[in-house]
C-alpha atoms as a PDB file:
ATOM      1  CA  MET A   1     -12.848  -3.112 -13.294  1.00  0.00           C
ATOM      2  CA  PHE A   2      -9.729  -1.793 -14.969  1.00  0.00           C
ATOM      3  CA  PHE A   3      -6.360  -0.865 -13.505  1.00  0.00           C
ATOM      4  CA  ALA A   4      -4.187   1.791 -15.136  1.00  0.00           C
ATOM      5  CA  ARG A   5      -0.506   2.049 -14.315  1.00  0.00           C
ATOM      6  CA  PHE A   6       0.749   5.551 -15.050  1.00  0.00           C
ATOM      7  CA  THR A   7       4.457   6.266 -15.517  1.00  0.00           C
ATOM      8  CA  PHE A   8       5.234   9.959 -15.178  1.00  0.00           C
ATOM      9  CA  LYS A   9       8.131  11.851 -16.719  1.00  0.00           C
ATOM     10  CA  PRO A  10      10.848  12.355 -14.083  1.00  0.00           C
ATOM     11  CA  ASP A  11      10.596  16.152 -14.216  1.00  0.00           C
ATOM     12  CA  ARG A  12       6.786  16.095 -13.796  1.00  0.00           C
ATOM     13  CA  ALA A  13       6.349  13.221 -11.325  1.00  0.00           C
ATOM     14  CA  PRO A  14       6.779  15.389  -8.187  1.00  0.00           C
ATOM     15  CA  GLU A  15       3.610  17.266  -9.206  1.00  0.00           C
ATOM     16  CA  PHE A  16       1.608  14.037  -8.820  1.00  0.00           C
ATOM     17  CA  LEU A  17       3.568  11.598  -6.651  1.00  0.00           C
ATOM     18  CA  ASP A  18       5.578  11.557  -3.426  1.00  0.00           C
ATOM     19  CA  GLY A  19       9.365  11.366  -3.256  1.00  0.00           C
ATOM     20  CA  ASP A  20      11.214   9.839  -6.192  1.00  0.00           C
ATOM     21  CA  GLN A  21       8.218   7.770  -7.259  1.00  0.00           C
ATOM     22  CA  LEU A  22       7.498   7.724 -11.023  1.00  0.00           C
ATOM     23  CA  VAL A  23       4.763   5.072 -11.216  1.00  0.00           C
ATOM     24  CA  THR A  24       1.302   4.805  -9.695  1.00  0.00           C
ATOM     25  CA  GLU A  25      -1.655   2.509 -10.300  1.00  0.00           C
ATOM     26  CA  MET A  26      -5.320   3.480 -10.076  1.00  0.00           C
ATOM     27  CA  PRO A  27      -8.576   1.510 -10.421  1.00  0.00           C
ATOM     28  CA  PHE A  28     -11.260   2.584 -12.910  1.00  0.00           C
ATOM     29  CA  GLU A  29     -14.779   1.303 -13.547  1.00  0.00           C
ATOM     30  CA  ASP A  30     -14.845   2.296 -17.219  1.00  0.00           C
ATOM     31  CA  PRO A  31     -12.168   2.693 -19.920  1.00  0.00           C
ATOM     32  CA  SER A  32     -13.534   6.142 -20.798  1.00  0.00           C
ATOM     33  CA  GLU A  33     -12.363   7.338 -17.367  1.00  0.00           C
ATOM     34  CA  ILE A  34      -8.830   6.219 -18.230  1.00  0.00           C
ATOM     35  CA  THR A  35      -9.013   8.017 -21.576  1.00  0.00           C
ATOM     36  CA  ALA A  36     -10.079  11.255 -19.871  1.00  0.00           C
ATOM     37  CA  CYS A  37      -7.235  10.973 -17.363  1.00  0.00           C
ATOM     38  CA  VAL A  38      -4.649  10.318 -20.078  1.00  0.00           C
ATOM     39  CA  GLN A  39      -5.886  13.242 -22.155  1.00  0.00           C
ATOM     40  CA  GLU A  40      -5.751  15.585 -19.171  1.00  0.00           C
ATOM     41  CA  PHE A  41      -2.215  14.612 -18.135  1.00  0.00           C
ATOM     42  CA  GLU A  42      -0.710  13.420 -21.443  1.00  0.00           C
ATOM     43  CA  HIS A  43       2.190  15.900 -21.370  1.00  0.00           C
ATOM     44  CA  ALA A  44       3.276  14.629 -17.951  1.00  0.00           C
ATOM     45  CA  LEU A  45       3.115  10.916 -18.833  1.00  0.00           C
ATOM     46  CA  ASP A  46       5.819   8.619 -20.180  1.00  0.00           C
ATOM     47  CA  GLY A  47       3.496   5.641 -20.460  1.00  0.00           C
ATOM     48  CA  VAL A  48       0.255   3.971 -19.450  1.00  0.00           C
ATOM     49  CA  ILE A  49      -0.453   0.263 -19.131  1.00  0.00           C
ATOM     50  CA  VAL A  50      -4.051  -0.893 -18.627  1.00  0.00           C
ATOM     51  CA  ARG A  51      -5.192  -4.245 -17.265  1.00  0.00           C
ATOM     52  CA  CYS A  52      -8.749  -5.537 -17.422  1.00  0.00           C
ATOM     53  CA  ALA A  53      -9.446  -7.441 -14.198  1.00  0.00           C
ATOM     54  CA  MET A  54     -12.182  -9.573 -15.766  1.00  0.00           C
ATOM     55  CA  THR A  55     -10.087 -10.954 -18.653  1.00  0.00           C
ATOM     56  CA  ASN A  56      -6.600 -10.176 -17.331  1.00  0.00           C
ATOM     57  CA  ASP A  57      -5.791  -8.618 -20.736  1.00  0.00           C
ATOM     58  CA  VAL A  58      -3.015  -6.024 -20.641  1.00  0.00           C
ATOM     59  CA  THR A  59      -2.670  -3.150 -23.114  1.00  0.00           C
ATOM     60  CA  ASN A  60       0.244  -0.750 -23.377  1.00  0.00           C
ATOM     61  CA  LEU A  61      -1.225   2.537 -24.599  1.00  0.00           C
ATOM     62  CA  LEU A  62       2.123   3.470 -26.170  1.00  0.00           C
ATOM     63  CA  ASP A  63       1.189   0.945 -28.855  1.00  0.00           C
ATOM     64  CA  PHE A  64      -1.556   3.401 -29.839  1.00  0.00           C
ATOM     65  CA  ALA A  65       0.322   6.687 -29.431  1.00  0.00           C
ATOM     66  CA  VAL A  66      -0.377   9.448 -31.926  1.00  0.00           C
ATOM     67  CA  GLU A  67       2.435  11.807 -32.853  1.00  0.00           C
ATOM     68  CA  ASP A  68       1.858  15.559 -32.696  1.00  0.00           C
ATOM     69  CA  ASN A  69       1.890  17.243 -36.099  1.00  0.00           C
END
């Protein structure tokens, strides 16, 4: 089990979250599901942090960000 914490850009957050909320956390069975979610909503996201429940390892996906050319 993996948990992804998504931080949305302030101007896009109301499209996905209630009120003034910018951050939400969702469970995923497989990392590929997280990748698909990030790719679909990448322009609305400010950051994504993923935690593996089995090992408790935490990865900030900003460490792997690719700049647009």
